[in-house]
């Protein structure tokens, strides 16, 4: 399970305005037309996917429910995956 909150660098309780601001900032930095890096298109797609899910109320609710369920069913594996996305994001900034 991808941690869309970590992808956008926001808290899980972020308001819609925070989600939009984080998306706009990251999208402008990672857009392939503005960023010549070879991994920019893939990162840009991840940011778009995260935004599409978290900006839609119903998709976000379902995502949050699945995220909580994953933490309950496989807490160690899920925590490891969340931390890996978080650490990868920090190291690549």
PDB file of N, CA and C in Angstrom:
ATOM      1  N   UNK A   1       0.846  -1.186   0.000  1.00  0.00           N
ATOM      2  CA  UNK A   1       0.000   0.000   0.000  1.00  0.00           C
ATOM      3  C   UNK A   1       0.886   1.241   0.000  1.00  0.00           C
ATOM      4  N   UNK A   2       0.640   2.126  -0.928  1.00  0.00           N
ATOM      5  CA  UNK A   2       1.396   3.373  -0.999  1.00  0.00           C
ATOM      6  C   UNK A   2       0.889   4.347   0.056  1.00  0.00           C
ATOM      7  N   UNK A   3       1.808   5.070   0.638  1.00  0.00           N
ATOM      8  CA  UNK A   3       1.421   6.084   1.616  1.00  0.00           C
ATOM      9  C   UNK A   3       1.306   7.423   0.894  1.00  0.00           C
ATOM     10  N   UNK A   4       0.098   7.740   0.464  1.00  0.00           N
ATOM     11  CA  UNK A   4      -0.122   8.965  -0.293  1.00  0.00           C
ATOM     12  C   UNK A   4       0.175  10.215   0.524  1.00  0.00           C
ATOM     13  N   UNK A   5       0.007  10.137   1.822  1.00  0.00           N
ATOM     14  CA  UNK A   5       0.311  11.291   2.665  1.00  0.00           C
ATOM     15  C   UNK A   5       1.813  11.575   2.644  1.00  0.00           C
ATOM     16  N   UNK A   6       2.617  10.521   2.696  1.00  0.00           N
ATOM     17  CA  UNK A   6       4.070  10.688   2.634  1.00  0.00           C
ATOM     18  C   UNK A   6       4.503  11.178   1.251  1.00  0.00           C
ATOM     19  N   UNK A   7       3.831  10.703   0.216  1.00  0.00           N
ATOM     20  CA  UNK A   7       4.160  11.138  -1.149  1.00  0.00           C
ATOM     21  C   UNK A   7       4.008  12.648  -1.272  1.00  0.00           C
ATOM     22  N   UNK A   8       2.940  13.187  -0.664  1.00  0.00           N
ATOM     23  CA  UNK A   8       2.702  14.633  -0.725  1.00  0.00           C
ATOM     24  C   UNK A   8       3.377  15.390   0.413  1.00  0.00           C
ATOM     25  N   UNK A   9       3.927  14.659   1.378  1.00  0.00           N
ATOM     26  CA  UNK A   9       4.610  15.303   2.496  1.00  0.00           C
ATOM     27  C   UNK A   9       3.671  16.030   3.440  1.00  0.00           C
ATOM     28  N   UNK A  10       2.506  15.438   3.674  1.00  0.00           N
ATOM     29  CA  UNK A  10       1.505  16.063   4.544  1.00  0.00           C
ATOM     30  C   UNK A  10       1.078  15.085   5.633  1.00  0.00           C
ATOM     31  N   UNK A  11       0.409  15.600   6.649  1.00  0.00           N
ATOM     32  CA  UNK A  11      -0.120  14.774   7.726  1.00  0.00           C
ATOM     33  C   UNK A  11      -1.402  14.087   7.272  1.00  0.00           C
ATOM     34  N   UNK A  12      -1.719  12.970   7.926  1.00  0.00           N
ATOM     35  CA  UNK A  12      -2.918  12.211   7.575  1.00  0.00           C
ATOM     36  C   UNK A  12      -4.207  12.968   7.856  1.00  0.00           C
ATOM     37  N   UNK A  13      -4.149  13.981   8.695  1.00  0.00           N
ATOM     38  CA  UNK A  13      -5.355  14.766   8.985  1.00  0.00           C
ATOM     39  C   UNK A  13      -5.357  16.104   8.237  1.00  0.00           C
ATOM     40  N   UNK A  14      -4.597  16.190   7.175  1.00  0.00           N
ATOM     41  CA  UNK A  14      -4.493  17.435   6.412  1.00  0.00           C
ATOM     42  C   UNK A  14      -5.834  17.828   5.789  1.00  0.00           C
ATOM     43  N   UNK A  15      -6.078  19.119   5.785  1.00  0.00           N
ATOM     44  CA  UNK A  15      -7.291  19.650   5.158  1.00  0.00           C
ATOM     45  C   UNK A  15      -7.116  19.636   3.641  1.00  0.00           C
ATOM     46  N   UNK A  16      -8.226  19.745   2.930  1.00  0.00           N
ATOM     47  CA  UNK A  16      -8.186  19.731   1.475  1.00  0.00           C
ATOM     48  C   UNK A  16      -7.289  20.850   0.933  1.00  0.00           C
ATOM     49  N   UNK A  17      -7.317  22.015   1.570  1.00  0.00           N
ATOM     50  CA  UNK A  17      -6.466  23.117   1.112  1.00  0.00           C
ATOM     51  C   UNK A  17      -4.984  22.767   1.242  1.00  0.00           C
ATOM     52  N   UNK A  18      -4.604  22.041   2.294  1.00  0.00           N
ATOM     53  CA  UNK A  18      -3.219  21.608   2.468  1.00  0.00           C
ATOM     54  C   UNK A  18      -2.825  20.588   1.398  1.00  0.00           C
ATOM     55  N   UNK A  19      -3.761  19.719   1.069  1.00  0.00           N
ATOM     56  CA  UNK A  19      -3.519  18.712   0.036  1.00  0.00           C
ATOM     57  C   UNK A  19      -3.287  19.410  -1.304  1.00  0.00           C
ATOM     58  N   UNK A  20      -4.127  20.379  -1.628  1.00  0.00           N
ATOM     59  CA  UNK A  20      -3.987  21.112  -2.890  1.00  0.00           C
ATOM     60  C   UNK A  20      -2.677  21.873  -2.944  1.00  0.00           C
ATOM     61  N   UNK A  21      -2.319  22.545  -1.854  1.00  0.00           N
ATOM     62  CA  UNK A  21      -1.065  23.305  -1.833  1.00  0.00           C
ATOM     63  C   UNK A  21       0.141  22.391  -1.990  1.00  0.00           C
ATOM     64  N   UNK A  22       0.137  21.265  -1.286  1.00  0.00           N
ATOM     65  CA  UNK A  22       1.255  20.319  -1.393  1.00  0.00           C
ATOM     66  C   UNK A  22       1.347  19.768  -2.813  1.00  0.00           C
ATOM     67  N   UNK A  23       0.203  19.439  -3.402  1.00  0.00           N
ATOM     68  CA  UNK A  23       0.193  18.926  -4.770  1.00  0.00           C
ATOM     69  C   UNK A  23       0.748  19.961  -5.751  1.00  0.00           C
ATOM     70  N   UNK A  24       0.262  21.164  -5.667  1.00  0.00           N
ATOM     71  CA  UNK A  24       0.721  22.209  -6.598  1.00  0.00           C
ATOM     72  C   UNK A  24       2.223  22.434  -6.497  1.00  0.00           C
ATOM     73  N   UNK A  25       2.718  22.465  -5.269  1.00  0.00           N
ATOM     74  CA  UNK A  25       4.147  22.678  -5.048  1.00  0.00           C
ATOM     75  C   UNK A  25       4.972  21.533  -5.647  1.00  0.00           C
ATOM     76  N   UNK A  26       4.574  20.311  -5.335  1.00  0.00           N
ATOM     77  CA  UNK A  26       5.331  19.153  -5.815  1.00  0.00           C
ATOM     78  C   UNK A  26       5.168  18.962  -7.319  1.00  0.00           C
ATOM     79  N   UNK A  27       3.985  19.205  -7.825  1.00  0.00           N
ATOM     80  CA  UNK A  27       3.756  19.053  -9.262  1.00  0.00           C
ATOM     81  C   UNK A  27       4.589  20.049 -10.052  1.00  0.00           C
ATOM     82  N   UNK A  28       4.716  21.265  -9.554  1.00  0.00           N
ATOM     83  CA  UNK A  28       5.525  22.251 -10.272  1.00  0.00           C
ATOM     84  C   UNK A  28       7.010  21.891 -10.218  1.00  0.00           C
ATOM     85  N   UNK A  29       7.455  21.265  -9.126  1.00  0.00           N
ATOM     86  CA  UNK A  29       8.849  20.858  -9.012  1.00  0.00           C
ATOM     87  C   UNK A  29       9.169  19.633  -9.861  1.00  0.00           C
ATOM     88  N   UNK A  30       8.209  18.725  -9.977  1.00  0.00           N
ATOM     89  CA  UNK A  30       8.472  17.443 -10.629  1.00  0.00           C
ATOM     90  C   UNK A  30       7.937  17.333 -12.050  1.00  0.00           C
ATOM     91  N   UNK A  31       7.244  18.337 -12.533  1.00  0.00           N
ATOM     92  CA  UNK A  31       6.674  18.248 -13.878  1.00  0.00           C
ATOM     93  C   UNK A  31       7.795  18.002 -14.882  1.00  0.00           C
ATOM     94  N   UNK A  32       7.631  16.994 -15.734  1.00  0.00           N
ATOM     95  CA  UNK A  32       8.686  16.656 -16.690  1.00  0.00           C
ATOM     96  C   UNK A  32       9.115  17.808 -17.610  1.00  0.00           C
ATOM     97  N   UNK A  33       8.235  18.773 -17.860  1.00  0.00           N
ATOM     98  CA  UNK A  33       8.606  19.911 -18.692  1.00  0.00           C
ATOM     99  C   UNK A  33       9.541  20.862 -17.957  1.00  0.00           C
ATOM    100  N   UNK A  34       9.528  20.821 -16.619  1.00  0.00           N
ATOM    101  CA  UNK A  34      10.347  21.731 -15.823  1.00  0.00           C
ATOM    102  C   UNK A  34      11.522  21.035 -15.144  1.00  0.00           C
ATOM    103  N   UNK A  35      11.432  19.728 -14.970  1.00  0.00           N
ATOM    104  CA  UNK A  35      12.461  18.981 -14.258  1.00  0.00           C
ATOM    105  C   UNK A  35      13.116  17.990 -15.226  1.00  0.00           C
ATOM    106  N   UNK A  36      14.390  18.197 -15.549  1.00  0.00           N
ATOM    107  CA  UNK A  36      15.067  17.323 -16.512  1.00  0.00           C
ATOM    108  C   UNK A  36      15.495  15.967 -15.937  1.00  0.00           C
ATOM    109  N   UNK A  37      15.317  15.749 -14.659  1.00  0.00           N
ATOM    110  CA  UNK A  37      15.730  14.495 -14.025  1.00  0.00           C
ATOM    111  C   UNK A  37      15.034  13.308 -14.686  1.00  0.00           C
ATOM    112  N   UNK A  38      15.749  12.206 -14.810  1.00  0.00           N
ATOM    113  CA  UNK A  38      15.178  11.026 -15.462  1.00  0.00           C
ATOM    114  C   UNK A  38      14.056  10.382 -14.643  1.00  0.00           C
ATOM    115  N   UNK A  39      14.058  10.598 -13.322  1.00  0.00           N
ATOM    116  CA  UNK A  39      13.001  10.015 -12.504  1.00  0.00           C
ATOM    117  C   UNK A  39      11.842  10.972 -12.237  1.00  0.00           C
ATOM    118  N   UNK A  40      11.897  12.166 -12.797  1.00  0.00           N
ATOM    119  CA  UNK A  40      10.828  13.156 -12.593  1.00  0.00           C
ATOM    120  C   UNK A  40       9.463  12.664 -13.085  1.00  0.00           C
ATOM    121  N   UNK A  41       9.369  12.044 -14.274  1.00  0.00           N
ATOM    122  CA  UNK A  41       8.033  11.590 -14.721  1.00  0.00           C
ATOM    123  C   UNK A  41       7.397  10.575 -13.772  1.00  0.00           C
ATOM    124  N   UNK A  42       8.186   9.642 -13.260  1.00  0.00           N
ATOM    125  CA  UNK A  42       7.641   8.636 -12.347  1.00  0.00           C
ATOM    126  C   UNK A  42       7.205   9.277 -11.038  1.00  0.00           C
ATOM    127  N   UNK A  43       8.003  10.175 -10.519  1.00  0.00           N
ATOM    128  CA  UNK A  43       7.649  10.872  -9.280  1.00  0.00           C
ATOM    129  C   UNK A  43       6.414  11.736  -9.495  1.00  0.00           C
ATOM    130  N   UNK A  44       6.335  12.386 -10.650  1.00  0.00           N
ATOM    131  CA  UNK A  44       5.186  13.221 -10.972  1.00  0.00           C
ATOM    132  C   UNK A  44       3.909  12.382 -10.994  1.00  0.00           C
ATOM    133  N   UNK A  45       3.973  11.180 -11.586  1.00  0.00           N
ATOM    134  CA  UNK A  45       2.808  10.292 -11.632  1.00  0.00           C
ATOM    135  C   UNK A  45       2.381   9.875 -10.220  1.00  0.00           C
ATOM    136  N   UNK A  46       3.344   9.615  -9.327  1.00  0.00           N
ATOM    137  CA  UNK A  46       3.015   9.251  -7.947  1.00  0.00           C
ATOM    138  C   UNK A  46       2.293  10.399  -7.248  1.00  0.00           C
ATOM    139  N   UNK A  47       2.772  11.612  -7.484  1.00  0.00           N
ATOM    140  CA  UNK A  47       2.150  12.793  -6.878  1.00  0.00           C
ATOM    141  C   UNK A  47       0.729  12.965  -7.411  1.00  0.00           C
ATOM    142  N   UNK A  48       0.550  12.775  -8.711  1.00  0.00           N
ATOM    143  CA  UNK A  48      -0.790  12.873  -9.300  1.00  0.00           C
ATOM    144  C   UNK A  48      -1.728  11.822  -8.719  1.00  0.00           C
ATOM    145  N   UNK A  49      -1.239  10.594  -8.592  1.00  0.00           N
ATOM    146  CA  UNK A  49      -2.049   9.508  -8.045  1.00  0.00           C
ATOM    147  C   UNK A  49      -2.461   9.816  -6.608  1.00  0.00           C
ATOM    148  N   UNK A  50      -1.518  10.307  -5.828  1.00  0.00           N
ATOM    149  CA  UNK A  50      -1.817  10.659  -4.435  1.00  0.00           C
ATOM    150  C   UNK A  50      -2.864  11.764  -4.377  1.00  0.00           C
ATOM    151  N   UNK A  51      -2.695  12.778  -5.205  1.00  0.00           N
ATOM    152  CA  UNK A  51      -3.645  13.898  -5.203  1.00  0.00           C
ATOM    153  C   UNK A  51      -5.036  13.450  -5.639  1.00  0.00           C
ATOM    154  N   UNK A  52      -5.099  12.626  -6.686  1.00  0.00           N
ATOM    155  CA  UNK A  52      -6.401  12.160  -7.173  1.00  0.00           C
ATOM    156  C   UNK A  52      -7.157  11.385  -6.089  1.00  0.00           C
ATOM    157  N   UNK A  53      -6.434  10.649  -5.285  1.00  0.00           N
ATOM    158  CA  UNK A  53      -7.071   9.871  -4.226  1.00  0.00           C
ATOM    159  C   UNK A  53      -7.452  10.743  -3.038  1.00  0.00           C
ATOM    160  N   UNK A  54      -6.511  11.565  -2.577  1.00  0.00           N
ATOM    161  CA  UNK A  54      -6.753  12.327  -1.351  1.00  0.00           C
ATOM    162  C   UNK A  54      -7.653  13.546  -1.542  1.00  0.00           C
ATOM    163  N   UNK A  55      -7.777  14.035  -2.764  1.00  0.00           N
ATOM    164  CA  UNK A  55      -8.615  15.215  -2.990  1.00  0.00           C
ATOM    165  C   UNK A  55     -10.084  14.852  -3.197  1.00  0.00           C
ATOM    166  N   UNK A  56     -10.365  13.588  -3.434  1.00  0.00           N
ATOM    167  CA  UNK A  56     -11.736  13.109  -3.603  1.00  0.00           C
ATOM    168  C   UNK A  56     -12.212  12.543  -2.261  1.00  0.00           C
ATOM    169  N   UNK A  57     -13.287  13.072  -1.733  1.00  0.00           N
ATOM    170  CA  UNK A  57     -13.757  12.700  -0.399  1.00  0.00           C
ATOM    171  C   UNK A  57     -14.009  11.199  -0.277  1.00  0.00           C
ATOM    172  N   UNK A  58     -14.695  10.615  -1.245  1.00  0.00           N
ATOM    173  CA  UNK A  58     -15.012   9.190  -1.172  1.00  0.00           C
ATOM    174  C   UNK A  58     -13.763   8.320  -1.325  1.00  0.00           C
ATOM    175  N   UNK A  59     -12.904   8.667  -2.280  1.00  0.00           N
ATOM    176  CA  UNK A  59     -11.669   7.892  -2.471  1.00  0.00           C
ATOM    177  C   UNK A  59     -10.769   7.997  -1.235  1.00  0.00           C
ATOM    178  N   UNK A  60     -10.716   9.170  -0.636  1.00  0.00           N
ATOM    179  CA  UNK A  60      -9.889   9.351   0.554  1.00  0.00           C
ATOM    180  C   UNK A  60     -10.430   8.530   1.725  1.00  0.00           C
ATOM    181  N   UNK A  61     -11.729   8.511   1.889  1.00  0.00           N
ATOM    182  CA  UNK A  61     -12.335   7.727   2.976  1.00  0.00           C
ATOM    183  C   UNK A  61     -11.992   6.246   2.811  1.00  0.00           C
ATOM    184  N   UNK A  62     -12.140   5.738   1.604  1.00  0.00           N
ATOM    185  CA  UNK A  62     -11.819   4.331   1.329  1.00  0.00           C
ATOM    186  C   UNK A  62     -10.331   4.064   1.548  1.00  0.00           C
ATOM    187  N   UNK A  63      -9.492   4.974   1.071  1.00  0.00           N
ATOM    188  CA  UNK A  63      -8.048   4.831   1.256  1.00  0.00           C
ATOM    189  C   UNK A  63      -7.699   4.806   2.742  1.00  0.00           C
ATOM    190  N   UNK A  64      -8.265   5.728   3.511  1.00  0.00           N
ATOM    191  CA  UNK A  64      -7.990   5.783   4.950  1.00  0.00           C
ATOM    192  C   UNK A  64      -8.449   4.512   5.666  1.00  0.00           C
ATOM    193  N   UNK A  65      -9.611   3.985   5.260  1.00  0.00           N
ATOM    194  CA  UNK A  65     -10.104   2.745   5.868  1.00  0.00           C
ATOM    195  C   UNK A  65      -9.155   1.591   5.568  1.00  0.00           C
ATOM    196  N   UNK A  66      -8.699   1.494   4.336  1.00  0.00           N
ATOM    197  CA  UNK A  66      -7.762   0.438   3.961  1.00  0.00           C
ATOM    198  C   UNK A  66      -6.426   0.614   4.670  1.00  0.00           C
ATOM    199  N   UNK A  67      -6.025   1.836   4.836  1.00  0.00           N
ATOM    200  CA  UNK A  67      -4.762   2.130   5.530  1.00  0.00           C
ATOM    201  C   UNK A  67      -4.846   1.700   6.997  1.00  0.00           C
ATOM    202  N   UNK A  68      -5.948   2.021   7.639  1.00  0.00           N
ATOM    203  CA  UNK A  68      -6.137   1.604   9.034  1.00  0.00           C
ATOM    204  C   UNK A  68      -6.219   0.082   9.142  1.00  0.00           C
ATOM    205  N   UNK A  69      -6.912  -0.535   8.216  1.00  0.00           N
ATOM    206  CA  UNK A  69      -7.040  -1.999   8.224  1.00  0.00           C
ATOM    207  C   UNK A  69      -5.671  -2.656   8.043  1.00  0.00           C
ATOM    208  N   UNK A  70      -4.855  -2.107   7.179  1.00  0.00           N
ATOM    209  CA  UNK A  70      -3.510  -2.652   6.970  1.00  0.00           C
ATOM    210  C   UNK A  70      -2.681  -2.538   8.236  1.00  0.00           C
ATOM    211  N   UNK A  71      -2.853  -1.439   8.945  1.00  0.00           N
ATOM    212  CA  UNK A  71      -2.115  -1.269  10.201  1.00  0.00           C
ATOM    213  C   UNK A  71      -2.572  -2.287  11.244  1.00  0.00           C
ATOM    214  N   UNK A  72      -3.843  -2.649  11.211  1.00  0.00           N
ATOM    215  CA  UNK A  72      -4.353  -3.619  12.178  1.00  0.00           C
ATOM    216  C   UNK A  72      -3.982  -5.049  11.802  1.00  0.00           C
ATOM    217  N   UNK A  73      -4.053  -5.370  10.525  1.00  0.00           N
ATOM    218  CA  UNK A  73      -3.793  -6.739  10.078  1.00  0.00           C
ATOM    219  C   UNK A  73      -2.299  -7.075  10.056  1.00  0.00           C
ATOM    220  N   UNK A  74      -1.487  -6.162   9.558  1.00  0.00           N
ATOM    221  CA  UNK A  74      -0.043  -6.385   9.428  1.00  0.00           C
ATOM    222  C   UNK A  74       0.709  -5.157   9.919  1.00  0.00           C
ATOM    223  N   UNK A  75       0.677  -4.893  11.202  1.00  0.00           N
ATOM    224  CA  UNK A  75       1.236  -3.627  11.697  1.00  0.00           C
ATOM    225  C   UNK A  75       2.722  -3.441  11.415  1.00  0.00           C
ATOM    226  N   UNK A  76       3.499  -4.481  11.553  1.00  0.00           N
ATOM    227  CA  UNK A  76       4.944  -4.338  11.356  1.00  0.00           C
ATOM    228  C   UNK A  76       5.260  -4.107   9.881  1.00  0.00           C
ATOM    229  N   UNK A  77       4.665  -4.892   9.000  1.00  0.00           N
ATOM    230  CA  UNK A  77       4.915  -4.726   7.567  1.00  0.00           C
ATOM    231  C   UNK A  77       4.432  -3.365   7.078  1.00  0.00           C
ATOM    232  N   UNK A  78       3.256  -2.964   7.515  1.00  0.00           N
ATOM    233  CA  UNK A  78       2.709  -1.680   7.090  1.00  0.00           C
ATOM    234  C   UNK A  78       3.547  -0.531   7.619  1.00  0.00           C
ATOM    235  N   UNK A  79       3.939  -0.590   8.871  1.00  0.00           N
ATOM    236  CA  UNK A  79       4.782   0.466   9.447  1.00  0.00           C
ATOM    237  C   UNK A  79       6.122   0.544   8.722  1.00  0.00           C
ATOM    238  N   UNK A  80       6.699  -0.594   8.417  1.00  0.00           N
ATOM    239  CA  UNK A  80       7.976  -0.619   7.690  1.00  0.00           C
ATOM    240  C   UNK A  80       7.821   0.048   6.319  1.00  0.00           C
ATOM    241  N   UNK A  81       6.743  -0.262   5.629  1.00  0.00           N
ATOM    242  CA  UNK A  81       6.509   0.317   4.306  1.00  0.00           C
ATOM    243  C   UNK A  81       6.285   1.832   4.390  1.00  0.00           C
ATOM    244  N   UNK A  82       5.502   2.261   5.375  1.00  0.00           N
ATOM    245  CA  UNK A  82       5.247   3.699   5.545  1.00  0.00           C
ATOM    246  C   UNK A  82       6.554   4.420   5.845  1.00  0.00           C
ATOM    247  N   UNK A  83       7.345   3.879   6.749  1.00  0.00           N
ATOM    248  CA  UNK A  83       8.627   4.508   7.086  1.00  0.00           C
ATOM    249  C   UNK A  83       9.570   4.519   5.898  1.00  0.00           C
ATOM    250  N   UNK A  84       9.544   3.482   5.082  1.00  0.00           N
ATOM    251  CA  UNK A  84      10.426   3.447   3.910  1.00  0.00           C
ATOM    252  C   UNK A  84      10.059   4.560   2.937  1.00  0.00           C
ATOM    253  N   UNK A  85       8.765   4.757   2.675  1.00  0.00           N
ATOM    254  CA  UNK A  85       8.337   5.863   1.809  1.00  0.00           C
ATOM    255  C   UNK A  85       8.753   7.199   2.409  1.00  0.00           C
ATOM    256  N   UNK A  86       8.609   7.328   3.708  1.00  0.00           N
ATOM    257  CA  UNK A  86       8.961   8.575   4.395  1.00  0.00           C
ATOM    258  C   UNK A  86      10.453   8.846   4.289  1.00  0.00           C
ATOM    259  N   UNK A  87      11.277   7.861   4.608  1.00  0.00           N
ATOM    260  CA  UNK A  87      12.733   8.017   4.564  1.00  0.00           C
ATOM    261  C   UNK A  87      13.193   8.266   3.130  1.00  0.00           C
ATOM    262  N   UNK A  88      12.660   7.543   2.185  1.00  0.00           N
ATOM    263  CA  UNK A  88      13.017   7.766   0.776  1.00  0.00           C
ATOM    264  C   UNK A  88      12.702   9.194   0.366  1.00  0.00           C
ATOM    265  N   UNK A  89      11.565   9.703   0.810  1.00  0.00           N
ATOM    266  CA  UNK A  89      11.185  11.079   0.487  1.00  0.00           C
ATOM    267  C   UNK A  89      12.128  12.086   1.081  1.00  0.00           C
ATOM    268  N   UNK A  90      12.568  11.847   2.292  1.00  0.00           N
ATOM    269  CA  UNK A  90      13.507  12.778   2.949  1.00  0.00           C
ATOM    270  C   UNK A  90      14.865  12.748   2.272  1.00  0.00           C
ATOM    271  N   UNK A  91      15.347  11.548   1.968  1.00  0.00           N
ATOM    272  CA  UNK A  91      16.673  11.411   1.375  1.00  0.00           C
ATOM    273  C   UNK A  91      16.740  11.982  -0.044  1.00  0.00           C
ATOM    274  N   UNK A  92      15.613  12.010  -0.735  1.00  0.00           N
ATOM    275  CA  UNK A  92      15.613  12.497  -2.124  1.00  0.00           C
ATOM    276  C   UNK A  92      15.358  13.983  -2.232  1.00  0.00           C
ATOM    277  N   UNK A  93      15.073  14.642  -1.112  1.00  0.00           N
ATOM    278  CA  UNK A  93      14.798  16.092  -1.152  1.00  0.00           C
ATOM    279  C   UNK A  93      16.071  16.864  -1.180  1.00  0.00           C
TER     280      UNK A  93
END
